[in-house]
Amino acid sequence: KRRRTSRRWTTMDAEKKKQALQMASQEMEYRVDLFNRMVVTCFDKCADRKFKEGDLSVGENSCVDRCTAKYWQVTSIVGQMLGGAGQGQ
């Protein structure tokens, strides 16, 4: 037997796909913005402004590692808190 797909279901599927694409696009924009803010924050905090060498020093590398780890950790905690707050409503 062949199933007939009604136009209504096809339209709904298209709308769901459009919504999913919009949500994915917003999520990507959020992630890029988050990454860019992290780069600026950690660079300002860790990089020496004298630019004596082309590479980061050991101290600067260590600072960047700690800064980025803390940034992602805090972002994760805030996301969990906001997710929990949204579920409680």
PDB file of N, CA and C in Angstrom:
ATOM      1  N   LYS A   1       0.836  -1.192   0.000  1.00  0.00           N
ATOM      2  CA  LYS A   1       0.000   0.000   0.000  1.00  0.00           C
ATOM      3  C   LYS A   1       0.874   1.247   0.000  1.00  0.00           C
ATOM      4  N   ARG A   2       0.431   2.209  -0.723  1.00  0.00           N
ATOM      5  CA  ARG A   2       1.117   3.491  -0.753  1.00  0.00           C
ATOM      6  C   ARG A   2       0.417   4.471   0.165  1.00  0.00           C
ATOM      7  N   ARG A   3       1.213   5.167   0.917  1.00  0.00           N
ATOM      8  CA  ARG A   3       0.643   6.188   1.781  1.00  0.00           C
ATOM      9  C   ARG A   3       0.640   7.514   1.056  1.00  0.00           C
ATOM     10  N   ARG A   4      -0.423   8.209   1.221  1.00  0.00           N
ATOM     11  CA  ARG A   4      -0.495   9.541   0.623  1.00  0.00           C
ATOM     12  C   ARG A   4      -0.114  10.556   1.685  1.00  0.00           C
ATOM     13  N   THR A   5       0.798  11.412   1.354  1.00  0.00           N
ATOM     14  CA  THR A   5       1.199  12.470   2.259  1.00  0.00           C
ATOM     15  C   THR A   5       0.353  13.693   1.979  1.00  0.00           C
ATOM     16  N   SER A   6      -0.316  14.138   2.988  1.00  0.00           N
ATOM     17  CA  SER A   6      -1.154  15.316   2.779  1.00  0.00           C
ATOM     18  C   SER A   6      -0.284  16.561   2.743  1.00  0.00           C
ATOM     19  N   ARG A   7      -0.778  17.547   2.091  1.00  0.00           N
ATOM     20  CA  ARG A   7      -0.061  18.811   1.967  1.00  0.00           C
ATOM     21  C   ARG A   7       0.131  19.454   3.341  1.00  0.00           C
ATOM     22  N   ARG A   8      -0.827  19.264   4.210  1.00  0.00           N
ATOM     23  CA  ARG A   8      -0.758  19.857   5.547  1.00  0.00           C
ATOM     24  C   ARG A   8       0.461  19.351   6.292  1.00  0.00           C
ATOM     25  N   TRP A   9       0.730  18.064   6.247  1.00  0.00           N
ATOM     26  CA  TRP A   9       1.886  17.505   6.953  1.00  0.00           C
ATOM     27  C   TRP A   9       3.192  17.995   6.335  1.00  0.00           C
ATOM     28  N   THR A  10       3.237  18.115   5.051  1.00  0.00           N
ATOM     29  CA  THR A  10       4.434  18.609   4.380  1.00  0.00           C
ATOM     30  C   THR A  10       4.708  20.048   4.788  1.00  0.00           C
ATOM     31  N   THR A  11       3.675  20.856   4.877  1.00  0.00           N
ATOM     32  CA  THR A  11       3.822  22.246   5.291  1.00  0.00           C
ATOM     33  C   THR A  11       4.310  22.322   6.730  1.00  0.00           C
ATOM     34  N   MET A  12       3.772  21.483   7.594  1.00  0.00           N
ATOM     35  CA  MET A  12       4.191  21.478   8.991  1.00  0.00           C
ATOM     36  C   MET A  12       5.655  21.042   9.102  1.00  0.00           C
ATOM     37  N   ASP A  13       6.045  20.049   8.333  1.00  0.00           N
ATOM     38  CA  ASP A  13       7.428  19.600   8.351  1.00  0.00           C
ATOM     39  C   ASP A  13       8.356  20.720   7.896  1.00  0.00           C
ATOM     40  N   ALA A  14       7.954  21.452   6.873  1.00  0.00           N
ATOM     41  CA  ALA A  14       8.757  22.566   6.365  1.00  0.00           C
ATOM     42  C   ALA A  14       8.883  23.662   7.424  1.00  0.00           C
ATOM     43  N   GLU A  15       7.794  23.919   8.138  1.00  0.00           N
ATOM     44  CA  GLU A  15       7.820  24.935   9.192  1.00  0.00           C
ATOM     45  C   GLU A  15       8.744  24.497  10.335  1.00  0.00           C
ATOM     46  N   LYS A  16       8.686  23.218  10.697  1.00  0.00           N
ATOM     47  CA  LYS A  16       9.562  22.704  11.758  1.00  0.00           C
ATOM     48  C   LYS A  16      11.025  22.787  11.340  1.00  0.00           C
ATOM     49  N   LYS A  17      11.291  22.469  10.083  1.00  0.00           N
ATOM     50  CA  LYS A  17      12.667  22.560   9.584  1.00  0.00           C
ATOM     51  C   LYS A  17      13.151  24.006   9.601  1.00  0.00           C
ATOM     52  N   LYS A  18      12.277  24.922   9.227  1.00  0.00           N
ATOM     53  CA  LYS A  18      12.632  26.341   9.220  1.00  0.00           C
ATOM     54  C   LYS A  18      12.928  26.816  10.642  1.00  0.00           C
ATOM     55  N   GLN A  19      12.088  26.409  11.594  1.00  0.00           N
ATOM     56  CA  GLN A  19      12.299  26.777  12.986  1.00  0.00           C
ATOM     57  C   GLN A  19      13.612  26.186  13.510  1.00  0.00           C
ATOM     58  N   ALA A  20      13.868  24.944  13.180  1.00  0.00           N
ATOM     59  CA  ALA A  20      15.098  24.293  13.624  1.00  0.00           C
ATOM     60  C   ALA A  20      16.322  24.995  13.045  1.00  0.00           C
ATOM     61  N   LEU A  21      16.235  25.395  11.795  1.00  0.00           N
ATOM     62  CA  LEU A  21      17.338  26.107  11.155  1.00  0.00           C
ATOM     63  C   LEU A  21      17.553  27.466  11.814  1.00  0.00           C
ATOM     64  N   GLN A  22      16.478  28.164  12.119  1.00  0.00           N
ATOM     65  CA  GLN A  22      16.585  29.461  12.792  1.00  0.00           C
ATOM     66  C   GLN A  22      17.205  29.298  14.183  1.00  0.00           C
ATOM     67  N   MET A  23      16.780  28.271  14.906  1.00  0.00           N
ATOM     68  CA  MET A  23      17.336  28.028  16.237  1.00  0.00           C
ATOM     69  C   MET A  23      18.821  27.686  16.146  1.00  0.00           C
ATOM     70  N   ALA A  24      19.195  26.876  15.174  1.00  0.00           N
ATOM     71  CA  ALA A  24      20.602  26.512  14.992  1.00  0.00           C
ATOM     72  C   ALA A  24      21.425  27.746  14.630  1.00  0.00           C
ATOM     73  N   SER A  25      20.876  28.611  13.808  1.00  0.00           N
ATOM     74  CA  SER A  25      21.567  29.837  13.426  1.00  0.00           C
ATOM     75  C   SER A  25      21.767  30.753  14.635  1.00  0.00           C
ATOM     76  N   GLN A  26      20.735  30.890  15.457  1.00  0.00           N
ATOM     77  CA  GLN A  26      20.847  31.706  16.665  1.00  0.00           C
ATOM     78  C   GLN A  26      21.877  31.119  17.623  1.00  0.00           C
ATOM     79  N   GLU A  27      21.871  29.810  17.761  1.00  0.00           N
ATOM     80  CA  GLU A  27      22.834  29.137  18.634  1.00  0.00           C
ATOM     81  C   GLU A  27      24.259  29.370  18.124  1.00  0.00           C
ATOM     82  N   MET A  28      24.458  29.308  16.822  1.00  0.00           N
ATOM     83  CA  MET A  28      25.788  29.538  16.253  1.00  0.00           C
ATOM     84  C   MET A  28      26.236  30.974  16.510  1.00  0.00           C
ATOM     85  N   GLU A  29      25.340  31.930  16.312  1.00  0.00           N
ATOM     86  CA  GLU A  29      25.671  33.331  16.580  1.00  0.00           C
ATOM     87  C   GLU A  29      26.041  33.522  18.042  1.00  0.00           C
ATOM     88  N   TYR A  30      25.291  32.889  18.940  1.00  0.00           N
ATOM     89  CA  TYR A  30      25.578  32.967  20.365  1.00  0.00           C
ATOM     90  C   TYR A  30      26.957  32.395  20.675  1.00  0.00           C
ATOM     91  N   ARG A  31      27.272  31.242  20.107  1.00  0.00           N
ATOM     92  CA  ARG A  31      28.569  30.601  20.351  1.00  0.00           C
ATOM     93  C   ARG A  31      29.728  31.437  19.821  1.00  0.00           C
ATOM     94  N   VAL A  32      29.562  32.006  18.641  1.00  0.00           N
ATOM     95  CA  VAL A  32      30.618  32.852  18.063  1.00  0.00           C
ATOM     96  C   VAL A  32      30.826  34.086  18.937  1.00  0.00           C
ATOM     97  N   ASP A  33      29.735  34.710  19.366  1.00  0.00           N
ATOM     98  CA  ASP A  33      29.824  35.879  20.239  1.00  0.00           C
ATOM     99  C   ASP A  33      30.505  35.519  21.559  1.00  0.00           C
ATOM    100  N   LEU A  34      30.118  34.392  22.128  1.00  0.00           N
ATOM    101  CA  LEU A  34      30.718  33.926  23.376  1.00  0.00           C
ATOM    102  C   LEU A  34      32.217  33.697  23.207  1.00  0.00           C
ATOM    103  N   PHE A  35      32.602  33.043  22.125  1.00  0.00           N
ATOM    104  CA  PHE A  35      34.015  32.789  21.848  1.00  0.00           C
ATOM    105  C   PHE A  35      34.781  34.096  21.676  1.00  0.00           C
ATOM    106  N   ASN A  36      34.211  35.031  20.916  1.00  0.00           N
ATOM    107  CA  ASN A  36      34.878  36.314  20.697  1.00  0.00           C
ATOM    108  C   ASN A  36      35.057  37.093  21.996  1.00  0.00           C
ATOM    109  N   ARG A  37      34.038  37.080  22.857  1.00  0.00           N
ATOM    110  CA  ARG A  37      34.161  37.761  24.145  1.00  0.00           C
ATOM    111  C   ARG A  37      35.230  37.100  25.011  1.00  0.00           C
ATOM    112  N   MET A  38      35.310  35.766  24.974  1.00  0.00           N
ATOM    113  CA  MET A  38      36.327  35.049  25.732  1.00  0.00           C
ATOM    114  C   MET A  38      37.726  35.419  25.234  1.00  0.00           C
ATOM    115  N   VAL A  39      37.907  35.473  23.931  1.00  0.00           N
ATOM    116  CA  VAL A  39      39.212  35.819  23.352  1.00  0.00           C
ATOM    117  C   VAL A  39      39.642  37.206  23.817  1.00  0.00           C
ATOM    118  N   VAL A  40      38.748  38.176  23.709  1.00  0.00           N
ATOM    119  CA  VAL A  40      39.079  39.542  24.110  1.00  0.00           C
ATOM    120  C   VAL A  40      39.400  39.609  25.604  1.00  0.00           C
ATOM    121  N   THR A  41      38.552  38.979  26.417  1.00  0.00           N
ATOM    122  CA  THR A  41      38.750  39.008  27.862  1.00  0.00           C
ATOM    123  C   THR A  41      40.084  38.377  28.256  1.00  0.00           C
ATOM    124  N   CYS A  42      40.359  37.192  27.738  1.00  0.00           N
ATOM    125  CA  CYS A  42      41.585  36.493  28.116  1.00  0.00           C
ATOM    126  C   CYS A  42      42.826  37.155  27.523  1.00  0.00           C
ATOM    127  N   PHE A  43      42.723  37.705  26.329  1.00  0.00           N
ATOM    128  CA  PHE A  43      43.859  38.418  25.735  1.00  0.00           C
ATOM    129  C   PHE A  43      44.188  39.647  26.566  1.00  0.00           C
ATOM    130  N   ASP A  44      43.159  40.433  26.905  1.00  0.00           N
ATOM    131  CA  ASP A  44      43.377  41.636  27.705  1.00  0.00           C
ATOM    132  C   ASP A  44      43.990  41.304  29.060  1.00  0.00           C
ATOM    133  N   LYS A  45      43.571  40.195  29.630  1.00  0.00           N
ATOM    134  CA  LYS A  45      44.065  39.806  30.950  1.00  0.00           C
ATOM    135  C   LYS A  45      45.476  39.213  30.891  1.00  0.00           C
ATOM    136  N   CYS A  46      45.788  38.449  29.856  1.00  0.00           N
ATOM    137  CA  CYS A  46      46.996  37.624  29.862  1.00  0.00           C
ATOM    138  C   CYS A  46      48.144  38.094  28.977  1.00  0.00           C
ATOM    139  N   ALA A  47      47.866  38.757  27.884  1.00  0.00           N
ATOM    140  CA  ALA A  47      48.925  39.075  26.926  1.00  0.00           C
ATOM    141  C   ALA A  47      49.679  40.330  27.339  1.00  0.00           C
ATOM    142  N   ASP A  48      50.997  40.253  27.283  1.00  0.00           N
ATOM    143  CA  ASP A  48      51.848  41.399  27.550  1.00  0.00           C
ATOM    144  C   ASP A  48      51.776  42.336  26.352  1.00  0.00           C
ATOM    145  N   ARG A  49      51.590  43.607  26.607  1.00  0.00           N
ATOM    146  CA  ARG A  49      51.417  44.583  25.530  1.00  0.00           C
ATOM    147  C   ARG A  49      52.742  44.985  24.855  1.00  0.00           C
ATOM    148  N   LYS A  50      53.849  44.493  25.369  1.00  0.00           N
ATOM    149  CA  LYS A  50      55.141  44.884  24.801  1.00  0.00           C
ATOM    150  C   LYS A  50      55.470  44.106  23.531  1.00  0.00           C
ATOM    151  N   PHE A  51      54.843  42.957  23.344  1.00  0.00           N
ATOM    152  CA  PHE A  51      55.026  42.132  22.143  1.00  0.00           C
ATOM    153  C   PHE A  51      56.506  41.953  21.780  1.00  0.00           C
ATOM    154  N   LYS A  52      57.267  41.462  22.761  1.00  0.00           N
ATOM    155  CA  LYS A  52      58.699  41.242  22.537  1.00  0.00           C
ATOM    156  C   LYS A  52      58.953  40.047  21.626  1.00  0.00           C
ATOM    157  N   GLU A  53      58.073  39.048  21.706  1.00  0.00           N
ATOM    158  CA  GLU A  53      58.260  37.819  20.933  1.00  0.00           C
ATOM    159  C   GLU A  53      57.007  37.526  20.109  1.00  0.00           C
ATOM    160  N   GLY A  54      57.173  36.673  19.113  1.00  0.00           N
ATOM    161  CA  GLY A  54      56.040  36.290  18.272  1.00  0.00           C
ATOM    162  C   GLY A  54      55.103  35.295  18.935  1.00  0.00           C
ATOM    163  N   ASP A  55      55.607  34.576  19.924  1.00  0.00           N
ATOM    164  CA  ASP A  55      54.809  33.569  20.629  1.00  0.00           C
ATOM    165  C   ASP A  55      54.512  34.029  22.049  1.00  0.00           C
ATOM    166  N   LEU A  56      53.490  33.428  22.640  1.00  0.00           N
ATOM    167  CA  LEU A  56      53.187  33.718  24.042  1.00  0.00           C
ATOM    168  C   LEU A  56      54.268  33.122  24.934  1.00  0.00           C
ATOM    169  N   SER A  57      54.539  33.801  26.039  1.00  0.00           N
ATOM    170  CA  SER A  57      55.489  33.262  27.007  1.00  0.00           C
ATOM    171  C   SER A  57      54.821  32.117  27.771  1.00  0.00           C
ATOM    172  N   VAL A  58      55.592  31.395  28.552  1.00  0.00           N
ATOM    173  CA  VAL A  58      55.045  30.298  29.358  1.00  0.00           C
ATOM    174  C   VAL A  58      53.985  30.828  30.320  1.00  0.00           C
ATOM    175  N   GLY A  59      54.275  31.961  30.946  1.00  0.00           N
ATOM    176  CA  GLY A  59      53.313  32.570  31.869  1.00  0.00           C
ATOM    177  C   GLY A  59      52.028  32.991  31.174  1.00  0.00           C
ATOM    178  N   GLU A  60      52.166  33.574  29.984  1.00  0.00           N
ATOM    179  CA  GLU A  60      50.994  33.985  29.229  1.00  0.00           C
ATOM    180  C   GLU A  60      50.169  32.774  28.797  1.00  0.00           C
ATOM    181  N   ASN A  61      50.852  31.723  28.351  1.00  0.00           N
ATOM    182  CA  ASN A  61      50.160  30.483  27.973  1.00  0.00           C
ATOM    183  C   ASN A  61      49.387  29.908  29.141  1.00  0.00           C
ATOM    184  N   SER A  62      50.020  29.878  30.295  1.00  0.00           N
ATOM    185  CA  SER A  62      49.376  29.351  31.497  1.00  0.00           C
ATOM    186  C   SER A  62      48.157  30.195  31.872  1.00  0.00           C
ATOM    187  N   CYS A  63      48.311  31.503  31.776  1.00  0.00           N
ATOM    188  CA  CYS A  63      47.204  32.414  32.078  1.00  0.00           C
ATOM    189  C   CYS A  63      46.036  32.181  31.124  1.00  0.00           C
ATOM    190  N   VAL A  64      46.336  32.052  29.835  1.00  0.00           N
ATOM    191  CA  VAL A  64      45.287  31.831  28.833  1.00  0.00           C
ATOM    192  C   VAL A  64      44.575  30.504  29.101  1.00  0.00           C
ATOM    193  N   ASP A  65      45.342  29.458  29.430  1.00  0.00           N
ATOM    194  CA  ASP A  65      44.733  28.156  29.742  1.00  0.00           C
ATOM    195  C   ASP A  65      43.765  28.272  30.916  1.00  0.00           C
ATOM    196  N   ARG A  66      44.202  28.924  31.985  1.00  0.00           N
ATOM    197  CA  ARG A  66      43.342  29.079  33.167  1.00  0.00           C
ATOM    198  C   ARG A  66      42.132  29.957  32.856  1.00  0.00           C
ATOM    199  N   CYS A  67      42.368  31.045  32.134  1.00  0.00           N
ATOM    200  CA  CYS A  67      41.291  31.983  31.809  1.00  0.00           C
ATOM    201  C   CYS A  67      40.203  31.310  30.972  1.00  0.00           C
ATOM    202  N   THR A  68      40.609  30.602  29.924  1.00  0.00           N
ATOM    203  CA  THR A  68      39.610  29.959  29.064  1.00  0.00           C
ATOM    204  C   THR A  68      38.863  28.853  29.804  1.00  0.00           C
ATOM    205  N   ALA A  69      39.583  28.095  30.637  1.00  0.00           N
ATOM    206  CA  ALA A  69      38.924  27.033  31.412  1.00  0.00           C
ATOM    207  C   ALA A  69      37.877  27.624  32.352  1.00  0.00           C
ATOM    208  N   LYS A  70      38.224  28.698  33.027  1.00  0.00           N
ATOM    209  CA  LYS A  70      37.281  29.347  33.944  1.00  0.00           C
ATOM    210  C   LYS A  70      36.100  29.948  33.181  1.00  0.00           C
ATOM    211  N   TYR A  71      36.386  30.541  32.030  1.00  0.00           N
ATOM    212  CA  TYR A  71      35.335  31.158  31.223  1.00  0.00           C
ATOM    213  C   TYR A  71      34.297  30.120  30.826  1.00  0.00           C
ATOM    214  N   TRP A  72      34.751  28.963  30.319  1.00  0.00           N
ATOM    215  CA  TRP A  72      33.812  27.906  29.912  1.00  0.00           C
ATOM    216  C   TRP A  72      33.090  27.314  31.109  1.00  0.00           C
ATOM    217  N   GLN A  73      33.809  27.188  32.235  1.00  0.00           N
ATOM    218  CA  GLN A  73      33.182  26.640  33.447  1.00  0.00           C
ATOM    219  C   GLN A  73      32.048  27.554  33.917  1.00  0.00           C
ATOM    220  N   VAL A  74      32.306  28.844  33.979  1.00  0.00           N
ATOM    221  CA  VAL A  74      31.281  29.804  34.405  1.00  0.00           C
ATOM    222  C   VAL A  74      30.116  29.820  33.416  1.00  0.00           C
ATOM    223  N   THR A  75      30.429  29.779  32.131  1.00  0.00           N
ATOM    224  CA  THR A  75      29.377  29.754  31.105  1.00  0.00           C
ATOM    225  C   THR A  75      28.483  28.531  31.281  1.00  0.00           C
ATOM    226  N   SER A  76      29.103  27.397  31.570  1.00  0.00           N
ATOM    227  CA  SER A  76      28.348  26.160  31.789  1.00  0.00           C
ATOM    228  C   SER A  76      27.454  26.272  33.023  1.00  0.00           C
ATOM    229  N   ILE A  77      27.997  26.804  34.103  1.00  0.00           N
ATOM    230  CA  ILE A  77      27.219  26.953  35.342  1.00  0.00           C
ATOM    231  C   ILE A  77      26.036  27.886  35.122  1.00  0.00           C
ATOM    232  N   VAL A  78      26.281  29.010  34.467  1.00  0.00           N
ATOM    233  CA  VAL A  78      25.198  29.970  34.194  1.00  0.00           C
ATOM    234  C   VAL A  78      24.140  29.322  33.301  1.00  0.00           C
ATOM    235  N   GLY A  79      24.585  28.579  32.284  1.00  0.00           N
ATOM    236  CA  GLY A  79      23.635  27.889  31.411  1.00  0.00           C
ATOM    237  C   GLY A  79      22.772  26.893  32.164  1.00  0.00           C
ATOM    238  N   GLN A  80      23.391  26.155  33.084  1.00  0.00           N
ATOM    239  CA  GLN A  80      22.632  25.202  33.901  1.00  0.00           C
ATOM    240  C   GLN A  80      21.636  25.919  34.795  1.00  0.00           C
ATOM    241  N   MET A  81      22.067  27.026  35.372  1.00  0.00           N
ATOM    242  CA  MET A  81      21.166  27.784  36.254  1.00  0.00           C
ATOM    243  C   MET A  81      19.988  28.345  35.461  1.00  0.00           C
ATOM    244  N   LEU A  82      20.276  28.895  34.291  1.00  0.00           N
ATOM    245  CA  LEU A  82      19.195  29.438  33.464  1.00  0.00           C
ATOM    246  C   LEU A  82      18.274  28.328  32.969  1.00  0.00           C
ATOM    247  N   GLY A  83      18.851  27.179  32.621  1.00  0.00           N
ATOM    248  CA  GLY A  83      18.046  26.044  32.191  1.00  0.00           C
ATOM    249  C   GLY A  83      17.151  25.548  33.301  1.00  0.00           C
ATOM    250  N   GLY A  84      17.681  25.508  34.525  1.00  0.00           N
ATOM    251  CA  GLY A  84      16.892  25.102  35.688  1.00  0.00           C
ATOM    252  C   GLY A  84      15.807  26.091  36.015  1.00  0.00           C
ATOM    253  N   ALA A  85      16.108  27.381  35.851  1.00  0.00           N
ATOM    254  CA  ALA A  85      15.117  28.432  36.127  1.00  0.00           C
ATOM    255  C   ALA A  85      13.988  28.366  35.109  1.00  0.00           C
ATOM    256  N   GLY A  86      14.331  28.053  33.858  1.00  0.00           N
ATOM    257  CA  GLY A  86      13.319  27.952  32.802  1.00  0.00           C
ATOM    258  C   GLY A  86      12.394  26.767  33.012  1.00  0.00           C
ATOM    259  N   GLN A  87      12.930  25.668  33.591  1.00  0.00           N
ATOM    260  CA  GLN A  87      12.111  24.480  33.844  1.00  0.00           C
ATOM    261  C   GLN A  87      11.190  24.673  35.034  1.00  0.00           C
ATOM    262  N   GLY A  88      11.612  25.536  35.978  1.00  0.00           N
ATOM    263  CA  GLY A  88      10.807  25.754  37.177  1.00  0.00           C
ATOM    264  C   GLY A  88       9.616  26.660  36.960  1.00  0.00           C
ATOM    265  N   GLN A  89       9.587  27.314  35.811  1.00  0.00           N
ATOM    266  CA  GLN A  89       8.484  28.254  35.557  1.00  0.00           C
ATOM    267  C   GLN A  89       7.243  27.555  35.105  1.00  0.00           C
TER     268      GLN A  89
END
